[in-house]
Amino acid sequence: MSNQAAVYSANWQPSASIQVLRQRAKLLQSIRSFFSERNVLEVETPALSQYGVSDLHLRNFETQFVGPGAADGKTLYLQTSPEFHMKRLLASGSGAIYQICKSFRNEEAGRIHNPEFTMLEWYRPGFNHQQLMDEMDQLLMRLLKCDPGERMSYQHAFMQYLGIDPLSASREQIIQAGKTFAIEQLLCEEHNRDSQLQILFALGVEPNIGRERPCFIDLFPASQAALARVSPDDTRVAERFEVYFKGVELANGFHELSDAQEQRTRFERDNQLRAENNLPVMTLDENLLSALGAGLPDCSGVALGLDRVFMLALEKSELSDVVSFGIERA
């Protein structure tokens, strides 16, 4: 036996302290109490699905199932969100529901990103997106001890911080707006209008909002809201909102689209964009489309990144400080 002492990695230890994990558990308990008080049912849905997402900006993790009917292997996808399965429950008559679960996105890892993360998603039949923003505001005040959030439309935010109207600006005006950030060339090379606007939003709007209290941005361009209803007041925008606080995007919500044929058309449009960007075309989720065809109740839903909320609530600087094991220690 060697006399040399074995050298062990320190990566076996959790990335968050045990005290922080106790605080995290209390926050989770508070969330469950919040929904219990409102008679919203907690549900669980699969992490694996036969279908991935068609969204241009999302990447599923894939795995192979080998079993009955799949001796040669069948591709399954880890879910980027529990949305599609939860909508199938809503169409089956579940009523108001919420879920706290792991979601998976094959993206970057860093200060506010981890490929595996904890999602809170909930749906409220009978709510429009404004009512759901009200409820989100109440939850954030409880968890973050913050003041009520401010609200502004996507259009107003662009006009206030970038000086252009994102709903009518020409390509030249969009590129001109990028001069402040020395990204004219990047915008020139990008031929998708929504991608151009998303770059400008990230650089010119996000750093200026939600500094002292959460900020709700709503009425995104309809082309950026594949799962939301188009506004009856302005067909250029959809009833979608996002929430930002202290430089962090926390949530994404919709007054949910319930028209199965329109949803199919939007998924097909997503796949066309994927093909144009040399990304794999995804098989449409026929189970979701069938559920919408059977009848999704008028409802609004929202997905909230809990690890990010906990990071802010516990005054930590990165996600790894509030999860038991970040990806580098997983």
Protein backbone atom coordinates (compact mmCIF):
# COMPACT_ATOMS: atom_id res chain seq x y z
CA MET A 1 0.00 0.00 0.00
CA SER A 2 1.42 3.39 -0.97
CA ASN A 3 2.46 5.74 1.81
CA GLN A 4 1.47 8.68 -0.35
CA ALA A 5 -1.80 10.24 0.84
CA ALA A 6 -4.59 10.13 -1.68
CA VAL A 7 -5.52 13.48 -3.23
CA TYR A 8 -9.26 14.09 -3.44
CA SER A 9 -11.15 16.73 -5.36
CA ALA A 10 -13.10 19.31 -3.36
CA ASN A 11 -15.89 19.14 -5.95
CA TRP A 12 -17.75 16.53 -3.91
CA GLN A 13 -18.97 19.36 -1.67
CA PRO A 14 -22.18 21.26 -2.48
CA SER A 15 -21.88 24.59 -4.26
CA ALA A 16 -24.42 26.14 -1.84
CA SER A 17 -23.96 26.11 1.92
CA ILE A 18 -26.25 23.95 4.02
CA GLN A 19 -27.60 27.13 5.63
CA VAL A 20 -28.58 28.49 2.21
CA LEU A 21 -30.26 25.18 1.34
CA ARG A 22 -32.32 25.47 4.55
CA GLN A 23 -33.35 29.00 3.51
CA ARG A 24 -34.19 27.71 0.04
CA ALA A 25 -36.45 25.04 1.57
CA LYS A 26 -38.32 27.74 3.50
CA LEU A 27 -38.85 29.73 0.31
CA LEU A 28 -40.23 26.63 -1.42
CA GLN A 29 -42.58 26.10 1.52
CA SER A 30 -43.72 29.72 1.20
CA ILE A 31 -44.49 29.21 -2.50
CA ARG A 32 -46.59 26.13 -1.78
CA SER A 33 -48.46 28.02 0.94
CA PHE A 34 -49.11 30.88 -1.51
CA PHE A 35 -50.86 28.53 -3.95
CA SER A 36 -52.61 26.53 -1.25
CA GLU A 37 -54.19 29.75 0.01
CA ARG A 38 -55.55 30.29 -3.50
CA ASN A 39 -56.75 26.70 -4.07
CA VAL A 40 -54.36 26.10 -6.95
CA LEU A 41 -53.61 22.39 -7.40
CA GLU A 42 -50.00 21.18 -7.40
CA VAL A 43 -49.31 18.70 -10.23
CA GLU A 44 -46.42 16.69 -11.65
CA THR A 45 -45.82 16.01 -15.34
CA PRO A 46 -43.11 14.08 -17.23
CA ALA A 47 -39.59 15.41 -17.59
CA LEU A 48 -39.22 13.24 -20.72
CA SER A 49 -41.38 13.63 -23.81
CA GLN A 50 -41.66 12.17 -27.31
CA TYR A 51 -41.57 15.75 -28.60
CA GLY A 52 -39.07 18.58 -28.36
CA VAL A 53 -39.74 22.28 -28.81
CA SER A 54 -39.63 24.15 -32.11
CA ASP A 55 -38.64 27.52 -30.63
CA LEU A 56 -35.65 28.87 -32.56
CA HIS A 57 -33.84 29.92 -29.38
CA LEU A 58 -34.29 26.74 -27.30
CA ARG A 59 -32.32 23.49 -27.44
CA ASN A 60 -33.58 20.25 -25.93
CA PHE A 61 -31.33 17.63 -24.41
CA GLU A 62 -31.98 14.28 -26.11
CA THR A 63 -31.69 10.72 -24.85
CA GLN A 64 -32.50 7.24 -26.19
CA PHE A 65 -35.16 4.98 -24.69
CA VAL A 66 -34.72 1.26 -25.39
CA GLY A 67 -37.66 -0.89 -24.38
CA PRO A 68 -40.99 -2.34 -25.54
CA GLY A 69 -41.74 -1.04 -29.02
CA ALA A 70 -38.37 0.69 -29.16
CA ALA A 71 -35.79 -2.09 -29.44
CA ASP A 72 -33.67 0.03 -31.77
CA GLY A 73 -33.99 3.09 -29.55
CA LYS A 74 -36.49 5.94 -29.52
CA THR A 75 -35.45 9.57 -29.08
CA LEU A 76 -36.92 11.28 -26.05
CA TYR A 77 -36.45 14.91 -25.06
CA LEU A 78 -35.86 16.42 -21.63
CA GLN A 79 -38.41 19.19 -21.32
CA THR A 80 -37.43 22.86 -21.48
CA SER A 81 -40.62 23.62 -19.52
CA PRO A 82 -43.64 21.61 -18.31
CA GLU A 83 -45.95 23.80 -20.41
CA PHE A 84 -47.23 21.37 -23.01
CA HIS A 85 -48.10 18.63 -20.52
CA MET A 86 -49.75 21.12 -18.17
CA LYS A 87 -51.94 22.41 -21.00
CA ARG A 88 -53.08 18.84 -21.62
CA LEU A 89 -54.16 18.70 -17.96
CA LEU A 90 -56.00 22.01 -18.35
CA ALA A 91 -57.83 20.69 -21.42
CA SER A 92 -58.81 17.65 -19.32
CA GLY A 93 -60.52 19.86 -16.72
CA SER A 94 -57.85 20.23 -14.04
CA GLY A 95 -58.69 23.82 -13.19
CA ALA A 96 -55.97 26.12 -11.81
CA ILE A 97 -52.65 24.26 -11.49
CA TYR A 98 -49.01 24.87 -10.61
CA GLN A 99 -45.82 22.84 -10.72
CA ILE A 100 -42.34 23.11 -9.22
CA CYS A 101 -40.02 20.97 -11.32
CA LYS A 102 -36.66 20.54 -12.98
CA SER A 103 -36.40 21.86 -16.53
CA PHE A 104 -33.53 21.40 -18.96
CA ARG A 105 -32.08 23.64 -21.66
CA ASN A 106 -28.98 22.81 -23.64
CA GLU A 107 -27.57 26.29 -23.38
CA GLU A 108 -24.77 28.14 -21.68
CA ALA A 109 -23.78 27.73 -18.04
CA GLY A 110 -22.70 30.74 -16.00
CA ARG A 111 -23.67 33.23 -13.33
CA ILE A 112 -27.40 33.11 -14.07
CA HIS A 113 -27.59 30.00 -16.27
CA ASN A 114 -27.50 26.30 -15.47
CA PRO A 115 -28.57 23.65 -18.01
CA GLU A 116 -30.70 22.02 -15.27
CA PHE A 117 -32.81 24.44 -13.25
CA THR A 118 -35.91 24.67 -11.08
CA MET A 119 -39.02 26.09 -12.70
CA LEU A 120 -42.26 27.26 -11.15
CA GLU A 121 -45.04 27.27 -13.73
CA TRP A 122 -48.70 27.96 -13.13
CA TYR A 123 -51.93 28.42 -15.08
CA ARG A 124 -55.06 30.33 -14.14
CA PRO A 125 -58.28 29.63 -16.09
CA GLY A 126 -60.34 32.80 -16.36
CA PHE A 127 -57.31 35.11 -15.94
CA ASN A 128 -56.03 37.43 -18.63
CA HIS A 129 -52.35 38.33 -18.66
CA GLN A 130 -52.93 41.49 -16.62
CA GLN A 131 -54.57 39.51 -13.81
CA LEU A 132 -51.72 37.01 -13.86
CA MET A 133 -49.21 39.86 -13.61
CA ASP A 134 -51.10 41.00 -10.50
CA GLU A 135 -50.71 37.56 -8.95
CA MET A 136 -47.05 37.32 -9.96
CA ASP A 137 -46.47 40.69 -8.32
CA GLN A 138 -47.97 39.40 -5.06
CA LEU A 139 -45.75 36.32 -5.10
CA LEU A 140 -42.59 38.31 -5.79
CA MET A 141 -43.38 40.73 -2.96
CA ARG A 142 -43.71 37.75 -0.62
CA LEU A 143 -40.48 36.07 -1.73
CA LEU A 144 -38.25 39.08 -2.38
CA LYS A 145 -39.67 41.54 0.17
CA CYS A 146 -39.78 44.09 -2.64
CA ASP A 147 -42.10 46.91 -3.61
CA PRO A 148 -44.87 46.35 -6.17
CA GLY A 149 -43.54 46.10 -9.70
CA GLU A 150 -43.72 48.77 -12.37
CA ARG A 151 -45.21 48.06 -15.80
CA MET A 152 -44.53 49.23 -19.31
CA SER A 153 -45.15 47.93 -22.78
CA TYR A 154 -42.38 46.58 -25.01
CA GLN A 155 -43.04 49.45 -27.40
CA HIS A 156 -42.79 52.09 -24.66
CA ALA A 157 -39.57 50.56 -23.30
CA PHE A 158 -37.89 50.77 -26.72
CA MET A 159 -39.06 54.32 -27.28
CA GLN A 160 -37.91 55.43 -23.83
CA TYR A 161 -34.46 53.82 -23.79
CA LEU A 162 -33.56 53.41 -27.48
CA GLY A 163 -35.57 56.13 -29.19
CA ILE A 164 -37.21 53.87 -31.77
CA ASP A 165 -40.62 52.26 -32.17
CA PRO A 166 -39.92 48.50 -32.44
CA LEU A 167 -43.28 47.87 -34.10
CA SER A 168 -42.68 50.20 -37.05
CA ALA A 169 -38.94 50.96 -37.21
CA SER A 170 -37.20 50.28 -40.50
CA ARG A 171 -34.20 47.98 -40.73
CA GLU A 172 -32.01 51.07 -41.12
CA GLN A 173 -33.42 52.63 -37.93
CA ILE A 174 -32.81 49.41 -36.01
CA ILE A 175 -29.20 49.26 -37.20
CA GLN A 176 -28.74 52.96 -36.39
CA ALA A 177 -29.94 52.31 -32.83
CA GLY A 178 -27.15 49.79 -32.46
CA LYS A 179 -24.46 52.45 -32.94
CA THR A 180 -24.67 53.34 -29.24
CA PHE A 181 -23.38 49.85 -28.46
CA ALA A 182 -21.04 49.55 -31.46
CA ILE A 183 -22.99 46.60 -32.84
CA GLU A 184 -24.01 47.97 -36.23
CA GLN A 185 -22.08 45.22 -38.02
CA LEU A 186 -23.71 42.52 -35.91
CA LEU A 187 -27.15 43.91 -36.69
CA CYS A 188 -26.28 44.22 -40.38
CA GLU A 189 -25.32 40.54 -40.51
CA GLU A 190 -28.52 39.49 -38.71
CA HIS A 191 -31.42 39.23 -41.19
CA ASN A 192 -34.13 38.18 -38.73
CA ARG A 193 -35.91 41.28 -37.43
CA ASP A 194 -36.89 39.69 -34.12
CA SER A 195 -33.32 38.61 -33.46
CA GLN A 196 -32.18 42.18 -34.12
CA LEU A 197 -34.77 43.52 -31.67
CA GLN A 198 -33.82 40.94 -29.04
CA ILE A 199 -30.18 42.04 -29.25
CA LEU A 200 -31.18 45.68 -28.81
CA PHE A 201 -33.53 44.82 -25.95
CA ALA A 202 -30.77 42.94 -24.11
CA LEU A 203 -28.27 45.78 -24.49
CA GLY A 204 -30.45 48.87 -24.37
CA VAL A 205 -33.50 48.05 -22.29
CA GLU A 206 -32.70 45.30 -19.78
CA PRO A 207 -29.88 47.21 -18.02
CA ASN A 208 -32.23 50.16 -17.40
CA ILE A 209 -35.29 48.44 -15.94
CA GLY A 210 -36.13 46.73 -12.66
CA ARG A 211 -33.31 48.31 -10.70
CA GLU A 212 -35.23 49.16 -7.53
CA ARG A 213 -38.33 47.02 -7.98
CA PRO A 214 -39.47 44.36 -10.44
CA CYS A 215 -40.43 45.57 -13.91
CA PHE A 216 -43.12 43.91 -16.03
CA ILE A 217 -42.74 44.35 -19.79
CA ASP A 218 -45.81 43.30 -21.79
CA LEU A 219 -47.29 43.35 -25.28
CA PHE A 220 -44.30 41.87 -27.12
CA PRO A 221 -44.38 41.72 -30.93
CA ALA A 222 -46.72 38.94 -32.03
CA SER A 223 -43.84 37.32 -33.91
CA GLN A 224 -42.04 36.86 -30.56
CA ALA A 225 -44.92 35.12 -28.82
CA ALA A 226 -45.65 31.80 -30.52
CA LEU A 227 -47.79 30.55 -27.62
CA ALA A 228 -49.70 33.74 -26.75
CA ARG A 229 -52.91 35.32 -28.00
CA VAL A 230 -52.67 38.29 -30.32
CA SER A 231 -53.98 41.46 -28.68
CA PRO A 232 -57.51 42.37 -29.84
CA ASP A 233 -56.51 46.04 -29.56
CA ASP A 234 -53.38 45.88 -31.74
CA THR A 235 -52.70 42.82 -33.88
CA ARG A 236 -49.00 43.73 -34.09
CA VAL A 237 -48.53 42.62 -30.47
CA ALA A 238 -49.38 39.60 -28.34
CA GLU A 239 -50.51 39.31 -24.73
CA ARG A 240 -47.13 38.17 -23.44
CA PHE A 241 -45.14 39.57 -20.52
CA GLU A 242 -41.69 39.19 -18.99
CA VAL A 243 -40.44 40.19 -15.54
CA TYR A 244 -37.03 41.71 -14.76
CA PHE A 245 -35.40 42.62 -11.45
CA LYS A 246 -31.87 43.75 -10.63
CA GLY A 247 -30.57 42.87 -14.08
CA VAL A 248 -32.09 39.39 -14.15
CA GLU A 249 -34.92 38.06 -16.31
CA LEU A 250 -37.20 36.12 -13.96
CA ALA A 251 -40.37 35.11 -15.77
CA ASN A 252 -42.18 34.75 -19.07
CA GLY A 253 -46.00 34.66 -19.22
CA PHE A 254 -48.84 34.52 -21.74
CA HIS A 255 -52.55 34.88 -22.21
CA GLU A 256 -52.49 31.43 -23.75
CA LEU A 257 -53.31 30.71 -27.37
CA SER A 258 -56.08 28.09 -27.55
CA ASP A 259 -56.65 27.84 -31.31
CA ALA A 260 -55.17 24.51 -32.42
CA GLN A 261 -54.87 25.41 -36.11
CA GLU A 262 -53.21 28.74 -35.36
CA GLN A 263 -50.80 26.98 -32.99
CA ARG A 264 -49.94 24.45 -35.69
CA THR A 265 -49.26 27.29 -38.14
CA ARG A 266 -46.95 28.99 -35.64
CA PHE A 267 -45.05 25.77 -34.92
CA GLU A 268 -44.59 25.27 -38.67
CA ARG A 269 -43.29 28.83 -38.93
CA ASP A 270 -40.81 28.05 -36.13
CA ASN A 271 -39.59 25.04 -38.06
CA GLN A 272 -39.13 27.12 -41.18
CA LEU A 273 -36.90 29.49 -39.19
CA ARG A 274 -35.00 26.53 -37.77
CA ALA A 275 -34.35 25.18 -41.26
CA GLU A 276 -33.16 28.61 -42.43
CA ASN A 277 -30.71 28.64 -39.49
CA ASN A 278 -29.44 25.09 -40.12
CA LEU A 279 -31.11 23.73 -36.99
CA PRO A 280 -32.97 20.41 -36.86
CA VAL A 281 -36.67 20.61 -37.74
CA MET A 282 -38.75 19.33 -34.82
CA THR A 283 -41.72 16.96 -35.02
CA LEU A 284 -44.85 18.83 -33.94
CA ASP A 285 -46.33 17.82 -30.59
CA GLU A 286 -49.58 16.25 -31.81
CA ASN A 287 -50.68 15.50 -28.24
CA LEU A 288 -50.65 19.20 -27.41
CA LEU A 289 -52.39 20.13 -30.65
CA SER A 290 -55.07 17.50 -30.01
CA ALA A 291 -55.59 18.89 -26.50
CA LEU A 292 -56.03 22.40 -27.92
CA GLY A 293 -58.46 20.98 -30.46
CA ALA A 294 -60.47 19.36 -27.67
CA GLY A 295 -60.66 22.72 -25.91
CA LEU A 296 -58.20 24.63 -23.73
CA PRO A 297 -60.02 26.90 -21.28
CA ASP A 298 -59.41 30.62 -21.57
CA CYS A 299 -56.38 30.99 -19.29
CA SER A 300 -53.07 32.66 -18.65
CA GLY A 301 -49.85 30.97 -17.60
CA VAL A 302 -46.36 31.93 -16.52
CA ALA A 303 -42.97 30.28 -15.98
CA LEU A 304 -40.74 31.64 -13.21
CA GLY A 305 -37.08 30.68 -12.81
CA LEU A 306 -36.89 29.83 -9.12
CA ASP A 307 -33.11 29.54 -8.83
CA ARG A 308 -32.84 33.14 -10.02
CA VAL A 309 -35.52 34.25 -7.55
CA PHE A 310 -33.72 32.47 -4.72
CA MET A 311 -30.42 34.07 -5.77
CA LEU A 312 -32.00 37.52 -5.41
CA ALA A 313 -33.95 36.67 -2.25
CA LEU A 314 -30.84 35.36 -0.49
CA GLU A 315 -28.61 38.14 -1.87
CA LYS A 316 -26.22 35.79 -3.67
CA SER A 317 -24.26 36.64 -6.78
CA GLU A 318 -24.75 33.51 -8.89
CA LEU A 319 -27.00 30.48 -9.27
CA SER A 320 -24.41 28.02 -7.99
CA ASP A 321 -24.68 29.76 -4.61
CA VAL A 322 -28.30 28.65 -4.20
CA VAL A 323 -28.36 25.16 -5.78
CA SER A 324 -26.99 22.07 -4.08
CA PHE A 325 -24.66 21.22 -6.97
CA GLY A 326 -24.06 23.48 -9.96
CA ILE A 327 -23.27 21.83 -13.29
CA GLU A 328 -19.52 21.94 -12.61
CA ARG A 329 -20.10 19.73 -9.53
CA ALA A 330 -23.01 17.65 -10.80
